[in-house]
Structures are given as C-alpha cells and as structure tokens.
C-alpha cells in the first residue's frame, strides 16, 4: 500500500482500483472514505468546473492544493491530444515519458492521475528532474516556476530541435520558446505557442486548441506571404 498527498488529502492506494481518502482540517476531525480511482477523478473534475481557481496571486496559488492538483490533471491529460512521431520512441513498447522540473508533490500528483493509464497503447512514466543530457528521452517536459530564469533557459536549450513538448507557468515561457504556458484569470487557463509545437515535430488536436485561452500561430515569412 502506498500513500501520497493530492489535493491536500492523503491518498492510500491499495491493490486494484481502490483508494482511501484521509481528510480533515484538524487531527481530531480526520475521516476516511474509500472510493475508486475513477470516482476520485470525477470528483476532481466536478470541483474544478464548479469552483475553478479563483486566485491570480502566485503566493496564494502556491499554497492552494486544489490549484496544484488541477494543473497536474491538465498536464496528465495533454498527451492524449498530442501526436508524437514514431521516431520519438526507441521501440513500440517504449513508454511515454513525462518529466518534471518542480517539487516532488507535483510530480506525485501527475503520477497518480496517469497510474494504470495508457496512451495509444503506451504506458506512461513520470520522472522528476532528469539530468540535462537525458532530456531527449522525455516526451512532455514540465518546467515549474521554482526553476531560476537561467535554469529554465538551459533546460529549454537542451530540448531544442527535439520531439519534446514543453509546458511551463512563468509569464515569459512562450516568449522563451515554450509550447504550453499556464496562466490565471478567473481560473486556471493555458496558452499555446503553435510555432514551438511545430518546431518539435508534434501535432496537436484541435479539441485541445479550442480549450486554450490564447493561441500563438506560426509566424509567416515574407516569402510565404507573397506566395
């Protein structure tokens, strides 16, 4: 049995498809509820759709477990709408790899959401802060705001001209060459830089683009405009 913190709750994972949610505001009010993984995901989706994320203050958002879990839920679902070239995988059995530069709790939240899931027949692996030389083995790379500006630049440079989808949350992430950038207005949103997606040799499903707050389209050269 494993135990991890998601949404400010402690989740005890048992064999099979059952979870025990351990919750309570104080030690005297702790309660337990056994649910299926599917039920937990439904509860999360309902909570997010009804309440959203109602803060734009990063210091407040950093302490908001619902915001962290919602963002992790987005990241875990992005690969369902992205098509990687076959050459991005060393074999037909190779997993789809999500790499995380951020805190361990965020990586654990993503791992929870993808546990037991497959995408196009591939299992999903989550790795925390791999070495720069190993980033080419990632398929989705999340870079948290805990990384310094120079560190983010080195990470993005390391995956230039590779089939890696980059996701971040700093205000300048798209301008720095990132593909997906989280942002907040009335709730959690994301923006997309299609030029970065195309440079990575990836295809994005129009259904995902329809959910984006802003989409930066590929810039046309003067020669393209004349043609």
C-alpha atoms as a PDB file:
ATOM      1  CA  UNK A   1       0.000   0.000   0.000  1.00  0.00           C
ATOM      2  CA  UNK A   2       1.338   3.443  -0.948  1.00  0.00           C
ATOM      3  CA  UNK A   3       0.413   6.846   0.414  1.00  0.00           C
ATOM      4  CA  UNK A   4       0.644  10.202  -1.327  1.00  0.00           C
ATOM      5  CA  UNK A   5      -0.730  13.718  -0.950  1.00  0.00           C
ATOM      6  CA  UNK A   6      -3.021  15.043  -3.679  1.00  0.00           C
ATOM      7  CA  UNK A   7      -5.498  17.926  -3.398  1.00  0.00           C
ATOM      8  CA  UNK A   8      -4.439  18.460   0.207  1.00  0.00           C
ATOM      9  CA  UNK A   9      -5.679  14.951   1.009  1.00  0.00           C
ATOM     10  CA  UNK A  10      -3.729  11.843   1.838  1.00  0.00           C
ATOM     11  CA  UNK A  11      -4.488   9.055  -0.601  1.00  0.00           C
ATOM     12  CA  UNK A  12      -3.736   5.483   0.393  1.00  0.00           C
ATOM     13  CA  UNK A  13      -3.529   3.313  -2.722  1.00  0.00           C
ATOM     14  CA  UNK A  14      -4.465  -0.331  -2.328  1.00  0.00           C
ATOM     15  CA  UNK A  15      -4.016  -3.146  -4.800  1.00  0.00           C
ATOM     16  CA  UNK A  16      -6.569  -2.895  -7.565  1.00  0.00           C
ATOM     17  CA  UNK A  17      -8.624   0.211  -8.230  1.00  0.00           C
ATOM     18  CA  UNK A  18      -9.460   1.416  -4.704  1.00  0.00           C
ATOM     19  CA  UNK A  19      -8.284   4.487  -2.803  1.00  0.00           C
ATOM     20  CA  UNK A  20      -8.725   5.576   0.789  1.00  0.00           C
ATOM     21  CA  UNK A  21      -9.060   9.358   1.137  1.00  0.00           C
ATOM     22  CA  UNK A  22      -7.826  10.531   4.538  1.00  0.00           C
ATOM     23  CA  UNK A  23      -9.092  14.064   5.135  1.00  0.00           C
ATOM     24  CA  UNK A  24      -9.873  16.547   7.892  1.00  0.00           C
ATOM     25  CA  UNK A  25      -8.993  20.084   8.923  1.00  0.00           C
ATOM     26  CA  UNK A  26      -7.613  19.024  12.298  1.00  0.00           C
ATOM     27  CA  UNK A  27      -6.223  15.863  13.834  1.00  0.00           C
ATOM     28  CA  UNK A  28      -9.481  15.443  15.757  1.00  0.00           C
ATOM     29  CA  UNK A  29     -11.625  15.611  12.627  1.00  0.00           C
ATOM     30  CA  UNK A  30      -9.814  13.123  10.407  1.00  0.00           C
ATOM     31  CA  UNK A  31     -12.135  10.960   8.310  1.00  0.00           C
ATOM     32  CA  UNK A  32     -11.606   8.192   5.787  1.00  0.00           C
ATOM     33  CA  UNK A  33     -13.521   7.467   2.598  1.00  0.00           C
ATOM     34  CA  UNK A  34     -12.881   4.551   0.228  1.00  0.00           C
ATOM     35  CA  UNK A  35     -13.507   5.374  -3.441  1.00  0.00           C
ATOM     36  CA  UNK A  36     -12.423   4.118  -6.842  1.00  0.00           C
ATOM     37  CA  UNK A  37      -9.814   5.992  -8.878  1.00  0.00           C
ATOM     38  CA  UNK A  38     -12.493   6.816 -11.435  1.00  0.00           C
ATOM     39  CA  UNK A  39     -14.726   8.329  -8.741  1.00  0.00           C
ATOM     40  CA  UNK A  40     -11.869  10.467  -7.424  1.00  0.00           C
ATOM     41  CA  UNK A  41     -11.181  11.836 -10.915  1.00  0.00           C
ATOM     42  CA  UNK A  42     -14.867  12.621 -11.409  1.00  0.00           C
ATOM     43  CA  UNK A  43     -14.965  14.440  -8.064  1.00  0.00           C
ATOM     44  CA  UNK A  44     -11.922  16.477  -9.053  1.00  0.00           C
ATOM     45  CA  UNK A  45     -13.415  17.432 -12.422  1.00  0.00           C
ATOM     46  CA  UNK A  46     -16.713  18.483 -10.824  1.00  0.00           C
ATOM     47  CA  UNK A  47     -14.922  20.539  -8.173  1.00  0.00           C
ATOM     48  CA  UNK A  48     -12.766  22.309 -10.764  1.00  0.00           C
ATOM     49  CA  UNK A  49     -15.661  23.003 -13.135  1.00  0.00           C
ATOM     50  CA  UNK A  50     -17.833  24.429 -10.352  1.00  0.00           C
ATOM     51  CA  UNK A  51     -15.297  26.390  -8.321  1.00  0.00           C
ATOM     52  CA  UNK A  52     -12.401  26.930 -10.728  1.00  0.00           C
ATOM     53  CA  UNK A  53      -9.220  28.524  -9.403  1.00  0.00           C
ATOM     54  CA  UNK A  54     -10.179  31.954  -8.174  1.00  0.00           C
ATOM     55  CA  UNK A  55      -6.785  33.496  -7.460  1.00  0.00           C
ATOM     56  CA  UNK A  56      -4.207  35.273  -9.605  1.00  0.00           C
ATOM     57  CA  UNK A  57      -1.702  35.737  -6.788  1.00  0.00           C
ATOM     58  CA  UNK A  58       1.199  33.259  -7.235  1.00  0.00           C
ATOM     59  CA  UNK A  59       1.986  33.236  -3.487  1.00  0.00           C
ATOM     60  CA  UNK A  60      -1.616  32.287  -2.684  1.00  0.00           C
ATOM     61  CA  UNK A  61      -1.797  29.828  -5.583  1.00  0.00           C
ATOM     62  CA  UNK A  62       1.380  28.089  -4.415  1.00  0.00           C
ATOM     63  CA  UNK A  63      -0.381  27.239  -1.150  1.00  0.00           C
ATOM     64  CA  UNK A  64      -3.577  26.081  -2.902  1.00  0.00           C
ATOM     65  CA  UNK A  65      -3.613  22.275  -3.136  1.00  0.00           C
ATOM     66  CA  UNK A  66      -6.590  22.341  -5.495  1.00  0.00           C
ATOM     67  CA  UNK A  67      -4.643  24.568  -7.908  1.00  0.00           C
ATOM     68  CA  UNK A  68      -1.660  22.233  -7.846  1.00  0.00           C
ATOM     69  CA  UNK A  69      -3.818  19.154  -8.455  1.00  0.00           C
ATOM     70  CA  UNK A  70      -5.778  20.865 -11.229  1.00  0.00           C
ATOM     71  CA  UNK A  71      -2.574  21.827 -13.016  1.00  0.00           C
ATOM     72  CA  UNK A  72      -1.248  18.284 -12.614  1.00  0.00           C
ATOM     73  CA  UNK A  73      -4.521  16.962 -14.026  1.00  0.00           C
ATOM     74  CA  UNK A  74      -4.114  19.174 -17.102  1.00  0.00           C
ATOM     75  CA  UNK A  75      -0.527  18.016 -17.627  1.00  0.00           C
ATOM     76  CA  UNK A  76      -1.515  14.356 -17.313  1.00  0.00           C
ATOM     77  CA  UNK A  77      -4.182  14.815 -19.996  1.00  0.00           C
ATOM     78  CA  UNK A  78      -2.205  16.877 -22.545  1.00  0.00           C
ATOM     79  CA  UNK A  79      -0.542  13.790 -24.104  1.00  0.00           C
ATOM     80  CA  UNK A  80      -3.954  12.410 -25.094  1.00  0.00           C
ATOM     81  CA  UNK A  81      -4.262  15.273 -27.580  1.00  0.00           C
ATOM     82  CA  UNK A  82      -0.670  15.364 -28.863  1.00  0.00           C
ATOM     83  CA  UNK A  83       0.754  13.180 -31.618  1.00  0.00           C
ATOM     84  CA  UNK A  84       4.457  12.370 -31.484  1.00  0.00           C
ATOM     85  CA  UNK A  85       6.351  10.991 -34.489  1.00  0.00           C
ATOM     86  CA  UNK A  86       7.251   7.310 -34.306  1.00  0.00           C
ATOM     87  CA  UNK A  87      10.933   8.273 -34.207  1.00  0.00           C
ATOM     88  CA  UNK A  88      10.368   9.878 -30.789  1.00  0.00           C
ATOM     89  CA  UNK A  89      10.128   6.395 -29.247  1.00  0.00           C
ATOM     90  CA  UNK A  90      13.013   3.896 -29.184  1.00  0.00           C
ATOM     91  CA  UNK A  91      10.620   0.947 -29.602  1.00  0.00           C
ATOM     92  CA  UNK A  92       6.950   0.057 -29.990  1.00  0.00           C
ATOM     93  CA  UNK A  93       6.853  -0.905 -26.302  1.00  0.00           C
ATOM     94  CA  UNK A  94       8.604   2.222 -25.006  1.00  0.00           C
ATOM     95  CA  UNK A  95       6.548   4.319 -22.552  1.00  0.00           C
ATOM     96  CA  UNK A  96       5.505   7.914 -22.990  1.00  0.00           C
ATOM     97  CA  UNK A  97       7.699   9.846 -20.556  1.00  0.00           C
ATOM     98  CA  UNK A  98       6.564  12.916 -18.616  1.00  0.00           C
ATOM     99  CA  UNK A  99       9.480  14.759 -16.990  1.00  0.00           C
ATOM    100  CA  UNK A 100       9.022  17.305 -14.199  1.00  0.00           C
ATOM    101  CA  UNK A 101      11.270  20.117 -13.013  1.00  0.00           C
ATOM    102  CA  UNK A 102       9.425  21.229  -9.895  1.00  0.00           C
ATOM    103  CA  UNK A 103       8.500  19.950  -6.470  1.00  0.00           C
ATOM    104  CA  UNK A 104       8.050  16.244  -5.818  1.00  0.00           C
ATOM    105  CA  UNK A 105       4.432  16.631  -4.728  1.00  0.00           C
ATOM    106  CA  UNK A 106       3.527  17.945  -8.180  1.00  0.00           C
ATOM    107  CA  UNK A 107       5.271  15.007  -9.870  1.00  0.00           C
ATOM    108  CA  UNK A 108       3.472  12.624  -7.492  1.00  0.00           C
ATOM    109  CA  UNK A 109       0.137  14.207  -8.422  1.00  0.00           C
ATOM    110  CA  UNK A 110       0.800  13.618 -12.123  1.00  0.00           C
ATOM    111  CA  UNK A 111       1.880  10.047 -11.378  1.00  0.00           C
ATOM    112  CA  UNK A 112      -1.393   9.487  -9.534  1.00  0.00           C
ATOM    113  CA  UNK A 113      -3.508  10.670 -12.463  1.00  0.00           C
ATOM    114  CA  UNK A 114      -1.669   8.545 -15.048  1.00  0.00           C
ATOM    115  CA  UNK A 115      -1.399   5.401 -12.929  1.00  0.00           C
ATOM    116  CA  UNK A 116      -2.797   2.464 -14.891  1.00  0.00           C
ATOM    117  CA  UNK A 117      -3.448   4.673 -17.949  1.00  0.00           C
ATOM    118  CA  UNK A 118      -2.110   4.099 -21.454  1.00  0.00           C
ATOM    119  CA  UNK A 119      -1.962   6.416 -24.450  1.00  0.00           C
ATOM    120  CA  UNK A 120      -2.092   4.785 -27.871  1.00  0.00           C
ATOM    121  CA  UNK A 121      -1.063   1.525 -26.250  1.00  0.00           C
ATOM    122  CA  UNK A 122       1.910   3.023 -24.392  1.00  0.00           C
ATOM    123  CA  UNK A 123       2.308   3.108 -20.622  1.00  0.00           C
ATOM    124  CA  UNK A 124       3.132   6.456 -19.024  1.00  0.00           C
ATOM    125  CA  UNK A 125       6.243   7.079 -16.942  1.00  0.00           C
ATOM    126  CA  UNK A 126       6.826  10.138 -14.722  1.00  0.00           C
ATOM    127  CA  UNK A 127      10.377  11.259 -13.922  1.00  0.00           C
ATOM    128  CA  UNK A 128      11.473  14.013 -11.546  1.00  0.00           C
ATOM    129  CA  UNK A 129      14.249  16.439 -12.592  1.00  0.00           C
ATOM    130  CA  UNK A 130      16.264  14.272 -15.005  1.00  0.00           C
ATOM    131  CA  UNK A 131      19.784  15.335 -15.985  1.00  0.00           C
ATOM    132  CA  UNK A 132      20.016  17.744 -18.918  1.00  0.00           C
ATOM    133  CA  UNK A 133      21.771  15.116 -21.020  1.00  0.00           C
ATOM    134  CA  UNK A 134      18.766  12.806 -20.601  1.00  0.00           C
ATOM    135  CA  UNK A 135      16.035  15.275 -21.566  1.00  0.00           C
ATOM    136  CA  UNK A 136      15.859  13.944 -25.119  1.00  0.00           C
ATOM    137  CA  UNK A 137      14.154  10.848 -23.673  1.00  0.00           C
ATOM    138  CA  UNK A 138      11.252  12.961 -22.372  1.00  0.00           C
ATOM    139  CA  UNK A 139       8.099  13.457 -24.424  1.00  0.00           C
ATOM    140  CA  UNK A 140       6.446  16.067 -22.227  1.00  0.00           C
ATOM    141  CA  UNK A 141       8.643  18.310 -20.111  1.00  0.00           C
ATOM    142  CA  UNK A 142       7.107  20.414 -17.348  1.00  0.00           C
ATOM    143  CA  UNK A 143       9.249  23.269 -16.006  1.00  0.00           C
ATOM    144  CA  UNK A 144       7.933  24.748 -12.761  1.00  0.00           C
ATOM    145  CA  UNK A 145       8.327  28.309 -11.540  1.00  0.00           C
ATOM    146  CA  UNK A 146      10.715  27.047  -8.860  1.00  0.00           C
ATOM    147  CA  UNK A 147      13.425  26.928 -11.528  1.00  0.00           C
ATOM    148  CA  UNK A 148      15.503  30.088 -11.959  1.00  0.00           C
ATOM    149  CA  UNK A 149      15.410  32.027 -15.217  1.00  0.00           C
ATOM    150  CA  UNK A 150      18.880  30.805 -16.198  1.00  0.00           C
ATOM    151  CA  UNK A 151      17.957  27.226 -15.327  1.00  0.00           C
ATOM    152  CA  UNK A 152      14.801  27.414 -17.469  1.00  0.00           C
ATOM    153  CA  UNK A 153      16.877  28.763 -20.345  1.00  0.00           C
ATOM    154  CA  UNK A 154      19.358  25.870 -20.090  1.00  0.00           C
ATOM    155  CA  UNK A 155      16.540  23.321 -19.952  1.00  0.00           C
ATOM    156  CA  UNK A 156      14.762  24.783 -22.993  1.00  0.00           C
ATOM    157  CA  UNK A 157      18.046  24.995 -24.925  1.00  0.00           C
ATOM    158  CA  UNK A 158      18.702  21.326 -24.142  1.00  0.00           C
ATOM    159  CA  UNK A 159      15.483  20.234 -25.888  1.00  0.00           C
ATOM    160  CA  UNK A 160      15.734  22.498 -28.930  1.00  0.00           C
ATOM    161  CA  UNK A 161      15.124  20.517 -32.148  1.00  0.00           C
ATOM    162  CA  UNK A 162      13.825  17.502 -30.203  1.00  0.00           C
ATOM    163  CA  UNK A 163      10.346  15.953 -30.075  1.00  0.00           C
ATOM    164  CA  UNK A 164       9.682  17.300 -26.568  1.00  0.00           C
ATOM    165  CA  UNK A 165       6.516  19.208 -25.657  1.00  0.00           C
ATOM    166  CA  UNK A 166       7.486  21.890 -23.143  1.00  0.00           C
ATOM    167  CA  UNK A 167       4.992  23.108 -20.531  1.00  0.00           C
ATOM    168  CA  UNK A 168       5.609  25.914 -18.031  1.00  0.00           C
ATOM    169  CA  UNK A 169       3.929  28.502 -15.848  1.00  0.00           C
ATOM    170  CA  UNK A 170       6.123  31.614 -15.872  1.00  0.00           C
ATOM    171  CA  UNK A 171       4.750  34.695 -17.701  1.00  0.00           C
ATOM    172  CA  UNK A 172       7.538  34.672 -20.314  1.00  0.00           C
ATOM    173  CA  UNK A 173       7.501  30.933 -21.004  1.00  0.00           C
ATOM    174  CA  UNK A 174       6.029  31.101 -24.522  1.00  0.00           C
ATOM    175  CA  UNK A 175       8.287  34.011 -25.478  1.00  0.00           C
ATOM    176  CA  UNK A 176      11.254  31.923 -24.303  1.00  0.00           C
ATOM    177  CA  UNK A 177      10.321  29.144 -26.725  1.00  0.00           C
ATOM    178  CA  UNK A 178       7.975  27.059 -24.591  1.00  0.00           C
ATOM    179  CA  UNK A 179       4.929  25.386 -26.134  1.00  0.00           C
ATOM    180  CA  UNK A 180       2.285  25.493 -23.356  1.00  0.00           C
ATOM    181  CA  UNK A 181       2.030  28.120 -20.638  1.00  0.00           C
ATOM    182  CA  UNK A 182      -0.342  28.072 -17.670  1.00  0.00           C
ATOM    183  CA  UNK A 183      -1.920  31.313 -16.518  1.00  0.00           C
ATOM    184  CA  UNK A 184      -4.706  32.518 -14.243  1.00  0.00           C
ATOM    185  CA  UNK A 185      -7.578  34.943 -14.687  1.00  0.00           C
ATOM    186  CA  UNK A 186     -10.871  33.744 -13.221  1.00  0.00           C
ATOM    187  CA  UNK A 187      -9.466  30.200 -13.113  1.00  0.00           C
ATOM    188  CA  UNK A 188      -6.597  28.102 -14.413  1.00  0.00           C
ATOM    189  CA  UNK A 189      -6.009  28.560 -18.161  1.00  0.00           C
ATOM    190  CA  UNK A 190      -3.313  27.676 -20.660  1.00  0.00           C
ATOM    191  CA  UNK A 191      -1.864  29.350 -23.745  1.00  0.00           C
ATOM    192  CA  UNK A 192      -0.256  27.620 -26.728  1.00  0.00           C
ATOM    193  CA  UNK A 193       2.647  28.582 -28.991  1.00  0.00           C
ATOM    194  CA  UNK A 194       1.994  26.642 -32.220  1.00  0.00           C
ATOM    195  CA  UNK A 195       5.395  27.582 -33.614  1.00  0.00           C
ATOM    196  CA  UNK A 196       7.110  25.769 -30.731  1.00  0.00           C
ATOM    197  CA  UNK A 197       4.774  22.794 -31.169  1.00  0.00           C
ATOM    198  CA  UNK A 198       5.594  22.631 -34.891  1.00  0.00           C
ATOM    199  CA  UNK A 199       9.341  23.035 -34.245  1.00  0.00           C
ATOM    200  CA  UNK A 200       9.167  19.969 -32.005  1.00  0.00           C
ATOM    201  CA  UNK A 201       7.624  17.986 -34.860  1.00  0.00           C
ATOM    202  CA  UNK A 202       4.370  17.462 -32.944  1.00  0.00           C
ATOM    203  CA  UNK A 203       0.715  17.621 -33.917  1.00  0.00           C
ATOM    204  CA  UNK A 204      -1.939  18.969 -31.587  1.00  0.00           C
ATOM    205  CA  UNK A 205      -5.600  18.006 -31.639  1.00  0.00           C
ATOM    206  CA  UNK A 206      -7.945  20.888 -32.487  1.00  0.00           C
ATOM    207  CA  UNK A 207     -10.110  19.925 -29.494  1.00  0.00           C
ATOM    208  CA  UNK A 208      -7.280  20.881 -27.158  1.00  0.00           C
ATOM    209  CA  UNK A 209      -6.639  24.148 -29.007  1.00  0.00           C
ATOM    210  CA  UNK A 210     -10.308  25.006 -28.556  1.00  0.00           C
ATOM    211  CA  UNK A 211      -9.776  24.956 -24.777  1.00  0.00           C
ATOM    212  CA  UNK A 212      -6.769  27.291 -24.862  1.00  0.00           C
ATOM    213  CA  UNK A 213      -7.098  30.882 -23.683  1.00  0.00           C
ATOM    214  CA  UNK A 214      -4.710  32.220 -26.327  1.00  0.00           C
ATOM    215  CA  UNK A 215      -3.073  30.539 -29.318  1.00  0.00           C
ATOM    216  CA  UNK A 216       0.057  31.997 -30.902  1.00  0.00           C
ATOM    217  CA  UNK A 217       0.059  30.910 -34.535  1.00  0.00           C
ATOM    218  CA  UNK A 218       3.111  30.146 -36.646  1.00  0.00           C
ATOM    219  CA  UNK A 219       4.659  33.332 -37.975  1.00  0.00           C
ATOM    220  CA  UNK A 220       4.704  33.525 -41.744  1.00  0.00           C
ATOM    221  CA  UNK A 221       7.823  34.759 -43.521  1.00  0.00           C
ATOM    222  CA  UNK A 222       7.672  37.486 -46.185  1.00  0.00           C
ATOM    223  CA  UNK A 223       8.223  34.847 -48.876  1.00  0.00           C
ATOM    224  CA  UNK A 224       5.258  32.831 -47.558  1.00  0.00           C
ATOM    225  CA  UNK A 225       3.101  35.936 -47.533  1.00  0.00           C
ATOM    226  CA  UNK A 226       3.921  36.707 -51.172  1.00  0.00           C
ATOM    227  CA  UNK A 227       3.126  33.145 -52.163  1.00  0.00           C
END
